[in-house]
PDB file of N, CA and C in Angstrom:
ATOM      1  N   MET A   1      -1.846   4.854  15.211  1.00  0.00           N
ATOM      2  CA  MET A   1      -2.969   3.903  15.256  1.00  0.00           C
ATOM      3  C   MET A   1      -4.073   4.484  16.045  1.00  0.00           C
ATOM      4  N   SER A   2      -5.287   3.805  16.104  1.00  0.00           N
ATOM      5  CA  SER A   2      -6.306   4.353  16.856  1.00  0.00           C
ATOM      6  C   SER A   2      -6.155   4.010  18.293  1.00  0.00           C
ATOM      7  N   GLN A   3      -7.212   4.343  19.075  1.00  0.00           N
ATOM      8  CA  GLN A   3      -7.105   4.108  20.573  1.00  0.00           C
ATOM      9  C   GLN A   3      -7.005   2.629  20.916  1.00  0.00           C
ATOM     10  N   THR A   4      -7.474   1.707  20.158  1.00  0.00           N
ATOM     11  CA  THR A   4      -7.416   0.336  20.435  1.00  0.00           C
ATOM     12  C   THR A   4      -6.000  -0.187  20.114  1.00  0.00           C
ATOM     13  N   VAL A   5      -5.533  -1.205  20.854  1.00  0.00           N
ATOM     14  CA  VAL A   5      -4.259  -1.789  20.527  1.00  0.00           C
ATOM     15  C   VAL A   5      -4.482  -3.116  19.800  1.00  0.00           C
ATOM     16  N   LEU A   6      -4.081  -3.194  18.573  1.00  0.00           N
ATOM     17  CA  LEU A   6      -4.188  -4.368  17.807  1.00  0.00           C
ATOM     18  C   LEU A   6      -2.787  -5.020  17.700  1.00  0.00           C
ATOM     19  N   THR A   7      -2.530  -6.053  18.430  1.00  0.00           N
ATOM     20  CA  THR A   7      -1.256  -6.712  18.432  1.00  0.00           C
ATOM     21  C   THR A   7      -1.483  -8.143  17.995  1.00  0.00           C
ATOM     22  N   PRO A   8      -0.377  -8.782  17.552  1.00  0.00           N
ATOM     23  CA  PRO A   8      -0.442 -10.129  17.177  1.00  0.00           C
ATOM     24  C   PRO A   8      -0.961 -11.051  18.250  1.00  0.00           C
ATOM     25  N   GLY A   9      -1.949 -11.863  17.877  1.00  0.00           N
ATOM     26  CA  GLY A   9      -2.622 -12.735  18.899  1.00  0.00           C
ATOM     27  C   GLY A   9      -3.962 -12.174  19.357  1.00  0.00           C
ATOM     28  N   ALA A  10      -4.278 -11.004  19.093  1.00  0.00           N
ATOM     29  CA  ALA A  10      -5.535 -10.394  19.585  1.00  0.00           C
ATOM     30  C   ALA A  10      -6.697 -11.027  18.828  1.00  0.00           C
ATOM     31  N   ASP A  11      -7.812 -11.279  19.545  1.00  0.00           N
ATOM     32  CA  ASP A  11      -8.952 -11.885  18.893  1.00  0.00           C
ATOM     33  C   ASP A  11      -9.820 -10.742  18.412  1.00  0.00           C
ATOM     34  N   VAL A  12     -10.115 -10.675  17.048  1.00  0.00           N
ATOM     35  CA  VAL A  12     -10.792  -9.559  16.422  1.00  0.00           C
ATOM     36  C   VAL A  12     -12.035 -10.053  15.561  1.00  0.00           C
ATOM     37  N   THR A  13     -12.839  -9.080  15.321  1.00  0.00           N
ATOM     38  CA  THR A  13     -13.929  -9.204  14.339  1.00  0.00           C
ATOM     39  C   THR A  13     -13.686  -8.377  13.101  1.00  0.00           C
ATOM     40  N   THR A  14     -13.892  -8.905  11.879  1.00  0.00           N
ATOM     41  CA  THR A  14     -13.743  -8.177  10.645  1.00  0.00           C
ATOM     42  C   THR A  14     -15.062  -8.237   9.892  1.00  0.00           C
ATOM     43  N   PRO A  15     -15.192  -7.593   8.747  1.00  0.00           N
ATOM     44  CA  PRO A  15     -16.296  -7.789   7.892  1.00  0.00           C
ATOM     45  C   PRO A  15     -16.580  -9.213   7.339  1.00  0.00           C
ATOM     46  N   HIS A  16     -15.497  -9.967   7.430  1.00  0.00           N
ATOM     47  CA  HIS A  16     -15.498 -11.379   7.020  1.00  0.00           C
ATOM     48  C   HIS A  16     -15.622 -12.401   8.082  1.00  0.00           C
ATOM     49  N   GLY A  17     -15.745 -11.877   9.317  1.00  0.00           N
ATOM     50  CA  GLY A  17     -15.948 -12.899  10.455  1.00  0.00           C
ATOM     51  C   GLY A  17     -14.841 -12.616  11.489  1.00  0.00           C
ATOM     52  N   ARG A  18     -14.619 -13.642  12.333  1.00  0.00           N
ATOM     53  CA  ARG A  18     -13.766 -13.566  13.489  1.00  0.00           C
ATOM     54  C   ARG A  18     -12.397 -14.127  13.081  1.00  0.00           C
ATOM     55  N   GLY A  19     -11.320 -13.655  13.800  1.00  0.00           N
ATOM     56  CA  GLY A  19     -10.028 -14.172  13.583  1.00  0.00           C
ATOM     57  C   GLY A  19      -9.003 -13.708  14.560  1.00  0.00           C
ATOM     58  N   LEU A  20      -7.694 -14.061  14.334  1.00  0.00           N
ATOM     59  CA  LEU A  20      -6.586 -13.609  15.120  1.00  0.00           C
ATOM     60  C   LEU A  20      -5.731 -12.726  14.381  1.00  0.00           C
ATOM     61  N   VAL A  21      -5.204 -11.691  15.020  1.00  0.00           N
ATOM     62  CA  VAL A  21      -4.241 -10.757  14.334  1.00  0.00           C
ATOM     63  C   VAL A  21      -2.960 -11.456  14.247  1.00  0.00           C
ATOM     64  N   VAL A  22      -2.366 -11.562  13.061  1.00  0.00           N
ATOM     65  CA  VAL A  22      -1.063 -12.242  12.857  1.00  0.00           C
ATOM     66  C   VAL A  22       0.033 -11.202  12.319  1.00  0.00           C
ATOM     67  N   ASP A  23      -0.440  -9.945  11.858  1.00  0.00           N
ATOM     68  CA  ASP A  23       0.519  -9.016  11.373  1.00  0.00           C
ATOM     69  C   ASP A  23      -0.084  -7.639  11.437  1.00  0.00           C
ATOM     70  N   VAL A  24       0.786  -6.694  11.794  1.00  0.00           N
ATOM     71  CA  VAL A  24       0.240  -5.240  11.761  1.00  0.00           C
ATOM     72  C   VAL A  24       1.457  -4.477  11.011  1.00  0.00           C
ATOM     73  N   ARG A  25       1.194  -3.732  10.065  1.00  0.00           N
ATOM     74  CA  ARG A  25       2.193  -3.029   9.304  1.00  0.00           C
ATOM     75  C   ARG A  25       1.686  -1.657   8.783  1.00  0.00           C
ATOM     76  N   ALA A  26       2.621  -0.697   8.727  1.00  0.00           N
ATOM     77  CA  ALA A  26       2.345   0.604   8.202  1.00  0.00           C
ATOM     78  C   ALA A  26       2.574   0.649   6.679  1.00  0.00           C
ATOM     79  N   THR A  27       1.794   1.394   6.012  1.00  0.00           N
ATOM     80  CA  THR A  27       1.989   1.633   4.549  1.00  0.00           C
ATOM     81  C   THR A  27       2.744   2.971   4.405  1.00  0.00           C
ATOM     82  N   PRO A  28       3.324   3.074   3.214  1.00  0.00           N
ATOM     83  CA  PRO A  28       4.022   4.387   2.952  1.00  0.00           C
ATOM     84  C   PRO A  28       3.090   5.634   3.163  1.00  0.00           C
ATOM     85  N   ALA A  29       1.776   5.489   3.019  1.00  0.00           N
ATOM     86  CA  ALA A  29       0.912   6.517   3.093  1.00  0.00           C
ATOM     87  C   ALA A  29       0.622   6.884   4.579  1.00  0.00           C
ATOM     88  N   GLY A  30       1.046   6.075   5.531  1.00  0.00           N
ATOM     89  CA  GLY A  30       0.849   6.317   6.904  1.00  0.00           C
ATOM     90  C   GLY A  30      -0.367   5.632   7.533  1.00  0.00           C
ATOM     91  N   THR A  31      -1.069   4.741   6.772  1.00  0.00           N
ATOM     92  CA  THR A  31      -2.055   4.010   7.316  1.00  0.00           C
ATOM     93  C   THR A  31      -1.666   2.670   7.796  1.00  0.00           C
ATOM     94  N   PHE A  32      -2.405   1.965   8.632  1.00  0.00           N
ATOM     95  CA  PHE A  32      -1.961   0.733   9.171  1.00  0.00           C
ATOM     96  C   PHE A  32      -2.846  -0.421   8.540  1.00  0.00           C
ATOM     97  N   LEU A  33      -2.183  -1.473   8.202  1.00  0.00           N
ATOM     98  CA  LEU A  33      -2.882  -2.712   7.707  1.00  0.00           C
ATOM     99  C   LEU A  33      -2.817  -3.758   8.731  1.00  0.00           C
ATOM    100  N   VAL A  34      -3.864  -4.499   9.054  1.00  0.00           N
ATOM    101  CA  VAL A  34      -3.892  -5.539  10.057  1.00  0.00           C
ATOM    102  C   VAL A  34      -4.127  -6.855   9.355  1.00  0.00           C
ATOM    103  N   GLY A  35      -3.221  -7.823   9.510  1.00  0.00           N
ATOM    104  CA  GLY A  35      -3.418  -9.148   8.890  1.00  0.00           C
ATOM    105  C   GLY A  35      -4.122 -10.024   9.848  1.00  0.00           C
ATOM    106  N   VAL A  36      -5.194 -10.616   9.428  1.00  0.00           N
ATOM    107  CA  VAL A  36      -6.143 -11.429  10.338  1.00  0.00           C
ATOM    108  C   VAL A  36      -6.275 -12.800   9.696  1.00  0.00           C
ATOM    109  N   GLU A  37      -5.929 -13.788  10.568  1.00  0.00           N
ATOM    110  CA  GLU A  37      -6.166 -15.246  10.139  1.00  0.00           C
ATOM    111  C   GLU A  37      -7.415 -15.752  10.585  1.00  0.00           C
ATOM    112  N   ASP A  38      -8.285 -16.327   9.687  1.00  0.00           N
ATOM    113  CA  ASP A  38      -9.567 -16.865  10.035  1.00  0.00           C
ATOM    114  C   ASP A  38      -9.417 -18.353  10.431  1.00  0.00           C
ATOM    115  N   ALA A  39     -10.501 -18.930  10.724  1.00  0.00           N
ATOM    116  CA  ALA A  39     -10.514 -20.332  11.170  1.00  0.00           C
ATOM    117  C   ALA A  39      -9.975 -21.360  10.066  1.00  0.00           C
ATOM    118  N   ASP A  40     -10.095 -20.903   8.852  1.00  0.00           N
ATOM    119  CA  ASP A  40      -9.662 -21.763   7.737  1.00  0.00           C
ATOM    120  C   ASP A  40      -8.165 -21.613   7.495  1.00  0.00           C
ATOM    121  N   GLY A  41      -7.455 -20.620   8.141  1.00  0.00           N
ATOM    122  CA  GLY A  41      -6.056 -20.455   7.965  1.00  0.00           C
ATOM    123  C   GLY A  41      -5.783 -19.374   6.970  1.00  0.00           C
ATOM    124  N   GLU A  42      -6.847 -18.787   6.334  1.00  0.00           N
ATOM    125  CA  GLU A  42      -6.552 -17.788   5.307  1.00  0.00           C
ATOM    126  C   GLU A  42      -6.282 -16.436   6.005  1.00  0.00           C
ATOM    127  N   VAL A  43      -5.328 -15.677   5.563  1.00  0.00           N
ATOM    128  CA  VAL A  43      -4.978 -14.375   6.060  1.00  0.00           C
ATOM    129  C   VAL A  43      -5.380 -13.300   5.068  1.00  0.00           C
ATOM    130  N   ARG A  44      -6.167 -12.411   5.656  1.00  0.00           N
ATOM    131  CA  ARG A  44      -6.615 -11.214   4.824  1.00  0.00           C
ATOM    132  C   ARG A  44      -6.147  -9.985   5.599  1.00  0.00           C
ATOM    133  N   TYR A  45      -5.893  -8.997   4.786  1.00  0.00           N
ATOM    134  CA  TYR A  45      -5.393  -7.689   5.366  1.00  0.00           C
ATOM    135  C   TYR A  45      -6.536  -6.666   5.286  1.00  0.00           C
ATOM    136  N   PHE A  46      -6.754  -5.939   6.422  1.00  0.00           N
ATOM    137  CA  PHE A  46      -7.781  -4.876   6.529  1.00  0.00           C
ATOM    138  C   PHE A  46      -7.119  -3.615   7.009  1.00  0.00           C
ATOM    139  N   THR A  47      -7.808  -2.476   6.795  1.00  0.00           N
ATOM    140  CA  THR A  47      -7.343  -1.233   7.493  1.00  0.00           C
ATOM    141  C   THR A  47      -7.794  -1.310   8.859  1.00  0.00           C
ATOM    142  N   GLU A  48      -7.156  -0.624   9.740  1.00  0.00           N
ATOM    143  CA  GLU A  48      -7.446  -0.690  11.167  1.00  0.00           C
ATOM    144  C   GLU A  48      -8.851  -0.094  11.554  1.00  0.00           C
ATOM    145  N   LYS A  49      -9.389   0.515  10.587  1.00  0.00           N
ATOM    146  CA  LYS A  49     -10.831   1.174  10.800  1.00  0.00           C
ATOM    147  C   LYS A  49     -11.879   0.070  10.850  1.00  0.00           C
ATOM    148  N   VAL A  50     -11.698  -1.052  10.109  1.00  0.00           N
ATOM    149  CA  VAL A  50     -12.750  -2.031  10.084  1.00  0.00           C
ATOM    150  C   VAL A  50     -12.499  -3.214  10.973  1.00  0.00           C
ATOM    151  N   VAL A  51     -11.327  -3.297  11.679  1.00  0.00           N
ATOM    152  CA  VAL A  51     -11.106  -4.378  12.599  1.00  0.00           C
ATOM    153  C   VAL A  51     -11.465  -3.937  14.042  1.00  0.00           C
ATOM    154  N   ARG A  52     -12.276  -4.778  14.691  1.00  0.00           N
ATOM    155  CA  ARG A  52     -12.558  -4.525  16.019  1.00  0.00           C
ATOM    156  C   ARG A  52     -12.134  -5.562  17.081  1.00  0.00           C
ATOM    157  N   LEU A  53     -11.639  -5.233  18.125  1.00  0.00           N
ATOM    158  CA  LEU A  53     -11.389  -6.201  19.229  1.00  0.00           C
ATOM    159  C   LEU A  53     -12.661  -6.915  19.556  1.00  0.00           C
ATOM    160  N   THR A  54     -12.583  -8.229  19.826  1.00  0.00           N
ATOM    161  CA  THR A  54     -13.686  -8.975  20.263  1.00  0.00           C
ATOM    162  C   THR A  54     -13.833  -8.849  21.749  1.00  0.00           C
ATOM    163  N   ALA A  55     -15.039  -8.696  22.230  1.00  0.00           N
ATOM    164  CA  ALA A  55     -15.319  -8.611  23.652  1.00  0.00           C
ATOM    165  C   ALA A  55     -14.988  -9.921  24.256  1.00  0.00           C
ATOM    166  N   ALA A  56     -14.312  -9.941  25.390  1.00  0.00           N
ATOM    167  CA  ALA A  56     -14.018 -11.200  26.002  1.00  0.00           C
ATOM    168  C   ALA A  56     -15.122 -11.788  26.845  1.00  0.00           C
TER     169      ALA A  56
END
């Protein structure tokens, strides 16, 4: 993974808005997908490159 630590419960920003990380998994190709739940309860998966930790 990149230098940031994306763990379940982390507050993040995605291209679709803000949310909480609920899942992090590796693909067979070696990339990581991050599952982010938004305020409506919808979970979307993004590559780690587009997910940013929200500044506290």
